[in-house]
């Protein structure tokens, strides 16, 4: 009787272990399993020109499958070979694959000057002398000078009297003489 009891106890323990620990469960059907616990390993690394392979295995249904890992370069910017664009020259960005050293470059468009008026170097024009408008590019320091024509005198007053310039202190004598004509008299006199 003891042997029978021991056998029944062993069977009960085995069934209990199967239920509690899943030791006796059968694999799920691979066609219905969602593979929530699938594990993957890279079985062939991708290179710059050849695809790689990743293998998946589902521990729940024992299904195994593979996926392709895309081939491709791993480009990074080569800071030493790249040149920033400026107001005077186009630039370029050089990309180098850090795996196989393949490279390519893109052109960066030349920048436009960004000029600002330089009030410290500006010279106003006067009646008799030309002025200068100065602009400096704030990116590269390029300098542009634009002459401003002399204003010329703007005389105020009558031509027969001393005239004064509206812009400066200059004066000029009368440019014409008075001519008097007597009304009803046939003789005219000239005042010098």
C-alpha atoms as a PDB file:
ATOM      1  CA  UNK A   1       0.000   0.000   0.000  1.00  0.00           C
ATOM      2  CA  UNK A   2       2.875   2.231   0.598  1.00  0.00           C
ATOM      3  CA  UNK A   3       4.044   1.882  -2.951  1.00  0.00           C
ATOM      4  CA  UNK A   4       0.656   2.778  -4.244  1.00  0.00           C
ATOM      5  CA  UNK A   5       0.482   5.835  -2.021  1.00  0.00           C
ATOM      6  CA  UNK A   6       3.933   6.945  -3.167  1.00  0.00           C
ATOM      7  CA  UNK A   7       2.946   6.531  -6.806  1.00  0.00           C
ATOM      8  CA  UNK A   8      -0.257   8.561  -6.371  1.00  0.00           C
ATOM      9  CA  UNK A   9       1.676  11.270  -4.517  1.00  0.00           C
ATOM     10  CA  UNK A  10       4.291  11.431  -7.301  1.00  0.00           C
ATOM     11  CA  UNK A  11       1.598  11.774  -9.984  1.00  0.00           C
ATOM     12  CA  UNK A  12      -0.156  14.515  -7.994  1.00  0.00           C
ATOM     13  CA  UNK A  13       3.107  16.417  -7.556  1.00  0.00           C
ATOM     14  CA  UNK A  14       3.881  16.109 -11.306  1.00  0.00           C
ATOM     15  CA  UNK A  15       0.426  17.386 -12.271  1.00  0.00           C
ATOM     16  CA  UNK A  16       0.703  20.230  -9.772  1.00  0.00           C
ATOM     17  CA  UNK A  17       4.150  21.182 -11.173  1.00  0.00           C
ATOM     18  CA  UNK A  18       2.789  21.152 -14.731  1.00  0.00           C
ATOM     19  CA  UNK A  19      -0.097  23.403 -13.802  1.00  0.00           C
ATOM     20  CA  UNK A  20       1.863  25.808 -11.611  1.00  0.00           C
ATOM     21  CA  UNK A  21       5.051  26.113 -13.638  1.00  0.00           C
ATOM     22  CA  UNK A  22       3.855  25.408 -17.161  1.00  0.00           C
ATOM     23  CA  UNK A  23       6.309  22.535 -17.492  1.00  0.00           C
ATOM     24  CA  UNK A  24       3.788  20.313 -19.226  1.00  0.00           C
ATOM     25  CA  UNK A  25       2.141  22.845 -21.506  1.00  0.00           C
ATOM     26  CA  UNK A  26       2.187  22.145 -25.180  1.00  0.00           C
ATOM     27  CA  UNK A  27       3.366  24.800 -27.636  1.00  0.00           C
ATOM     28  CA  UNK A  28       0.657  27.048 -29.036  1.00  0.00           C
ATOM     29  CA  UNK A  29      -0.379  26.749 -32.651  1.00  0.00           C
ATOM     30  CA  UNK A  30       2.053  28.971 -34.683  1.00  0.00           C
ATOM     31  CA  UNK A  31      -0.813  30.135 -36.912  1.00  0.00           C
ATOM     32  CA  UNK A  32      -2.738  31.633 -33.966  1.00  0.00           C
ATOM     33  CA  UNK A  33       0.165  32.644 -31.710  1.00  0.00           C
ATOM     34  CA  UNK A  34       0.814  36.414 -31.639  1.00  0.00           C
ATOM     35  CA  UNK A  35       4.478  35.834 -30.641  1.00  0.00           C
ATOM     36  CA  UNK A  36       4.458  38.271 -27.664  1.00  0.00           C
ATOM     37  CA  UNK A  37       7.652  36.806 -26.228  1.00  0.00           C
ATOM     38  CA  UNK A  38       9.586  36.430 -29.478  1.00  0.00           C
ATOM     39  CA  UNK A  39      13.319  36.963 -29.179  1.00  0.00           C
ATOM     40  CA  UNK A  40      15.612  38.091 -31.980  1.00  0.00           C
ATOM     41  CA  UNK A  41      19.272  37.906 -32.788  1.00  0.00           C
ATOM     42  CA  UNK A  42      21.247  39.315 -35.691  1.00  0.00           C
ATOM     43  CA  UNK A  43      22.467  36.285 -37.598  1.00  0.00           C
ATOM     44  CA  UNK A  44      24.164  38.291 -40.347  1.00  0.00           C
ATOM     45  CA  UNK A  45      25.225  41.928 -39.972  1.00  0.00           C
ATOM     46  CA  UNK A  46      24.220  44.362 -42.712  1.00  0.00           C
ATOM     47  CA  UNK A  47      27.063  46.110 -44.513  1.00  0.00           C
ATOM     48  CA  UNK A  48      27.064  49.255 -46.594  1.00  0.00           C
ATOM     49  CA  UNK A  49      26.231  47.267 -49.736  1.00  0.00           C
ATOM     50  CA  UNK A  50      24.803  43.909 -48.523  1.00  0.00           C
ATOM     51  CA  UNK A  51      21.648  43.373 -46.424  1.00  0.00           C
ATOM     52  CA  UNK A  52      21.803  41.532 -43.112  1.00  0.00           C
ATOM     53  CA  UNK A  53      19.490  38.994 -41.464  1.00  0.00           C
ATOM     54  CA  UNK A  54      17.679  39.081 -38.104  1.00  0.00           C
ATOM     55  CA  UNK A  55      16.291  35.743 -36.856  1.00  0.00           C
ATOM     56  CA  UNK A  56      13.267  35.602 -34.543  1.00  0.00           C
ATOM     57  CA  UNK A  57      12.220  32.665 -32.363  1.00  0.00           C
ATOM     58  CA  UNK A  58       8.960  32.435 -30.416  1.00  0.00           C
ATOM     59  CA  UNK A  59       9.337  30.395 -27.214  1.00  0.00           C
ATOM     60  CA  UNK A  60       5.557  29.981 -26.983  1.00  0.00           C
ATOM     61  CA  UNK A  61       5.017  28.175 -30.308  1.00  0.00           C
ATOM     62  CA  UNK A  62       8.585  27.373 -31.403  1.00  0.00           C
ATOM     63  CA  UNK A  63       8.129  29.253 -34.674  1.00  0.00           C
ATOM     64  CA  UNK A  64      11.306  30.692 -36.243  1.00  0.00           C
ATOM     65  CA  UNK A  65      11.392  33.349 -38.979  1.00  0.00           C
ATOM     66  CA  UNK A  66      13.792  35.916 -40.417  1.00  0.00           C
ATOM     67  CA  UNK A  67      13.661  39.544 -41.496  1.00  0.00           C
ATOM     68  CA  UNK A  68      16.044  41.412 -43.764  1.00  0.00           C
ATOM     69  CA  UNK A  69      18.145  44.203 -42.281  1.00  0.00           C
ATOM     70  CA  UNK A  70      18.543  46.916 -44.908  1.00  0.00           C
ATOM     71  CA  UNK A  71      21.973  47.550 -46.304  1.00  0.00           C
ATOM     72  CA  UNK A  72      23.125  51.126 -46.146  1.00  0.00           C
ATOM     73  CA  UNK A  73      25.870  53.562 -45.464  1.00  0.00           C
ATOM     74  CA  UNK A  74      26.160  55.308 -42.126  1.00  0.00           C
ATOM     75  CA  UNK A  75      27.085  58.838 -43.179  1.00  0.00           C
ATOM     76  CA  UNK A  76      28.388  61.451 -40.765  1.00  0.00           C
ATOM     77  CA  UNK A  77      29.519  65.016 -41.474  1.00  0.00           C
ATOM     78  CA  UNK A  78      33.261  65.379 -41.965  1.00  0.00           C
ATOM     79  CA  UNK A  79      33.823  68.667 -40.132  1.00  0.00           C
ATOM     80  CA  UNK A  80      37.432  68.973 -41.343  1.00  0.00           C
ATOM     81  CA  UNK A  81      36.543  68.694 -45.046  1.00  0.00           C
ATOM     82  CA  UNK A  82      33.334  70.759 -44.875  1.00  0.00           C
ATOM     83  CA  UNK A  83      33.479  74.488 -45.621  1.00  0.00           C
ATOM     84  CA  UNK A  84      30.906  77.036 -44.436  1.00  0.00           C
ATOM     85  CA  UNK A  85      29.308  79.330 -47.021  1.00  0.00           C
ATOM     86  CA  UNK A  86      30.259  83.003 -46.771  1.00  0.00           C
ATOM     87  CA  UNK A  87      29.362  86.237 -48.551  1.00  0.00           C
ATOM     88  CA  UNK A  88      32.318  85.706 -50.874  1.00  0.00           C
ATOM     89  CA  UNK A  89      32.237  81.942 -51.565  1.00  0.00           C
ATOM     90  CA  UNK A  90      29.845  79.001 -51.720  1.00  0.00           C
ATOM     91  CA  UNK A  91      30.446  76.299 -49.128  1.00  0.00           C
ATOM     92  CA  UNK A  92      30.138  72.533 -49.011  1.00  0.00           C
ATOM     93  CA  UNK A  93      29.182  69.831 -46.538  1.00  0.00           C
ATOM     94  CA  UNK A  94      31.134  66.574 -46.893  1.00  0.00           C
ATOM     95  CA  UNK A  95      29.551  63.323 -45.685  1.00  0.00           C
ATOM     96  CA  UNK A  96      31.675  60.201 -45.064  1.00  0.00           C
ATOM     97  CA  UNK A  97      30.461  56.680 -44.259  1.00  0.00           C
ATOM     98  CA  UNK A  98      32.070  55.725 -40.963  1.00  0.00           C
ATOM     99  CA  UNK A  99      32.082  52.066 -42.032  1.00  0.00           C
ATOM    100  CA  UNK A 100      33.495  52.006 -45.566  1.00  0.00           C
ATOM    101  CA  UNK A 101      34.730  55.622 -46.049  1.00  0.00           C
ATOM    102  CA  UNK A 102      32.440  56.233 -49.060  1.00  0.00           C
ATOM    103  CA  UNK A 103      31.722  59.961 -49.314  1.00  0.00           C
ATOM    104  CA  UNK A 104      29.661  62.588 -51.084  1.00  0.00           C
ATOM    105  CA  UNK A 105      29.227  66.331 -50.735  1.00  0.00           C
ATOM    106  CA  UNK A 106      26.486  68.922 -51.042  1.00  0.00           C
ATOM    107  CA  UNK A 107      27.007  72.530 -52.106  1.00  0.00           C
ATOM    108  CA  UNK A 108      25.958  75.332 -49.780  1.00  0.00           C
ATOM    109  CA  UNK A 109      24.751  78.468 -51.555  1.00  0.00           C
ATOM    110  CA  UNK A 110      26.895  81.565 -51.235  1.00  0.00           C
ATOM    111  CA  UNK A 111      25.395  83.976 -48.713  1.00  0.00           C
ATOM    112  CA  UNK A 112      24.308  87.515 -49.605  1.00  0.00           C
ATOM    113  CA  UNK A 113      26.055  90.449 -47.977  1.00  0.00           C
ATOM    114  CA  UNK A 114      24.160  91.985 -45.060  1.00  0.00           C
ATOM    115  CA  UNK A 115      25.095  95.658 -45.179  1.00  0.00           C
ATOM    116  CA  UNK A 116      24.537  98.168 -42.410  1.00  0.00           C
ATOM    117  CA  UNK A 117      25.090 101.923 -42.533  1.00  0.00           C
ATOM    118  CA  UNK A 118      28.283 102.980 -40.733  1.00  0.00           C
ATOM    119  CA  UNK A 119      27.314 106.255 -39.072  1.00  0.00           C
ATOM    120  CA  UNK A 120      30.868 106.807 -37.799  1.00  0.00           C
ATOM    121  CA  UNK A 121      32.276 107.004 -41.326  1.00  0.00           C
ATOM    122  CA  UNK A 122      29.338 108.768 -42.990  1.00  0.00           C
ATOM    123  CA  UNK A 123      30.195 112.225 -44.391  1.00  0.00           C
ATOM    124  CA  UNK A 124      27.369 114.617 -45.183  1.00  0.00           C
ATOM    125  CA  UNK A 125      27.510 116.451 -48.477  1.00  0.00           C
ATOM    126  CA  UNK A 126      27.708 120.270 -48.329  1.00  0.00           C
ATOM    127  CA  UNK A 127      26.974 122.881 -50.924  1.00  0.00           C
ATOM    128  CA  UNK A 128      30.510 122.717 -52.297  1.00  0.00           C
ATOM    129  CA  UNK A 129      31.920 119.302 -51.296  1.00  0.00           C
ATOM    130  CA  UNK A 130      30.705 115.772 -51.951  1.00  0.00           C
ATOM    131  CA  UNK A 131      29.800 113.468 -49.058  1.00  0.00           C
ATOM    132  CA  UNK A 132      30.189 109.723 -48.582  1.00  0.00           C
ATOM    133  CA  UNK A 133      27.722 107.058 -47.464  1.00  0.00           C
ATOM    134  CA  UNK A 134      29.577 104.011 -46.055  1.00  0.00           C
ATOM    135  CA  UNK A 135      28.043 100.546 -45.578  1.00  0.00           C
ATOM    136  CA  UNK A 136      29.781  97.570 -43.960  1.00  0.00           C
ATOM    137  CA  UNK A 137      28.737  93.898 -44.333  1.00  0.00           C
ATOM    138  CA  UNK A 138      28.189  92.576 -40.817  1.00  0.00           C
ATOM    139  CA  UNK A 139      29.086  89.028 -41.934  1.00  0.00           C
ATOM    140  CA  UNK A 140      32.402  89.552 -43.710  1.00  0.00           C
ATOM    141  CA  UNK A 141      33.357  93.202 -43.208  1.00  0.00           C
ATOM    142  CA  UNK A 142      33.121  94.107 -46.927  1.00  0.00           C
ATOM    143  CA  UNK A 143      32.968  97.876 -47.329  1.00  0.00           C
ATOM    144  CA  UNK A 144      30.877  99.829 -49.832  1.00  0.00           C
ATOM    145  CA  UNK A 145      31.313 103.545 -50.384  1.00  0.00           C
ATOM    146  CA  UNK A 146      28.623 105.500 -52.156  1.00  0.00           C
ATOM    147  CA  UNK A 147      29.485 109.103 -53.034  1.00  0.00           C
ATOM    148  CA  UNK A 148      26.879 111.737 -52.316  1.00  0.00           C
ATOM    149  CA  UNK A 149      26.988 114.624 -54.801  1.00  0.00           C
ATOM    150  CA  UNK A 150      27.605 118.125 -53.497  1.00  0.00           C
ATOM    151  CA  UNK A 151      24.292 119.824 -52.899  1.00  0.00           C
ATOM    152  CA  UNK A 152      25.101 123.060 -54.702  1.00  0.00           C
ATOM    153  CA  UNK A 153      23.975 126.414 -53.349  1.00  0.00           C
ATOM    154  CA  UNK A 154      20.280 127.147 -53.182  1.00  0.00           C
ATOM    155  CA  UNK A 155      20.141 130.899 -53.497  1.00  0.00           C
ATOM    156  CA  UNK A 156      17.310 132.776 -51.880  1.00  0.00           C
ATOM    157  CA  UNK A 157      16.336 136.345 -52.680  1.00  0.00           C
ATOM    158  CA  UNK A 158      16.089 138.387 -55.828  1.00  0.00           C
ATOM    159  CA  UNK A 159      18.790 138.271 -58.467  1.00  0.00           C
ATOM    160  CA  UNK A 160      19.091 142.031 -58.338  1.00  0.00           C
ATOM    161  CA  UNK A 161      19.977 141.923 -54.612  1.00  0.00           C
ATOM    162  CA  UNK A 162      22.547 140.117 -52.507  1.00  0.00           C
ATOM    163  CA  UNK A 163      21.426 136.470 -52.179  1.00  0.00           C
ATOM    164  CA  UNK A 164      21.896 133.991 -49.310  1.00  0.00           C
ATOM    165  CA  UNK A 165      22.283 130.194 -49.597  1.00  0.00           C
ATOM    166  CA  UNK A 166      19.498 128.221 -47.849  1.00  0.00           C
ATOM    167  CA  UNK A 167      22.022 125.525 -46.724  1.00  0.00           C
ATOM    168  CA  UNK A 168      25.108 127.453 -45.687  1.00  0.00           C
ATOM    169  CA  UNK A 169      26.311 130.934 -44.774  1.00  0.00           C
ATOM    170  CA  UNK A 170      27.444 131.843 -48.296  1.00  0.00           C
ATOM    171  CA  UNK A 171      26.219 135.020 -49.923  1.00  0.00           C
ATOM    172  CA  UNK A 172      26.631 136.332 -53.434  1.00  0.00           C
ATOM    173  CA  UNK A 173      26.209 139.782 -54.901  1.00  0.00           C
ATOM    174  CA  UNK A 174      23.344 140.672 -57.162  1.00  0.00           C
ATOM    175  CA  UNK A 175      23.630 138.969 -60.514  1.00  0.00           C
ATOM    176  CA  UNK A 176      21.608 141.503 -62.505  1.00  0.00           C
ATOM    177  CA  UNK A 177      21.240 145.270 -62.422  1.00  0.00           C
ATOM    178  CA  UNK A 178      18.055 147.209 -61.917  1.00  0.00           C
ATOM    179  CA  UNK A 179      16.473 148.625 -65.056  1.00  0.00           C
ATOM    180  CA  UNK A 180      14.058 151.449 -64.483  1.00  0.00           C
ATOM    181  CA  UNK A 181      11.518 152.434 -66.994  1.00  0.00           C
ATOM    182  CA  UNK A 182       9.392 155.521 -66.535  1.00  0.00           C
ATOM    183  CA  UNK A 183       5.809 154.885 -67.109  1.00  0.00           C
ATOM    184  CA  UNK A 184       4.574 157.005 -69.968  1.00  0.00           C
ATOM    185  CA  UNK A 185       8.101 158.347 -70.605  1.00  0.00           C
ATOM    186  CA  UNK A 186       9.829 157.358 -73.729  1.00  0.00           C
ATOM    187  CA  UNK A 187      13.268 157.420 -72.112  1.00  0.00           C
ATOM    188  CA  UNK A 188      14.548 154.607 -69.954  1.00  0.00           C
ATOM    189  CA  UNK A 189      17.417 154.919 -67.504  1.00  0.00           C
ATOM    190  CA  UNK A 190      19.773 152.204 -66.338  1.00  0.00           C
ATOM    191  CA  UNK A 191      21.015 152.057 -62.751  1.00  0.00           C
ATOM    192  CA  UNK A 192      24.476 150.535 -62.453  1.00  0.00           C
END
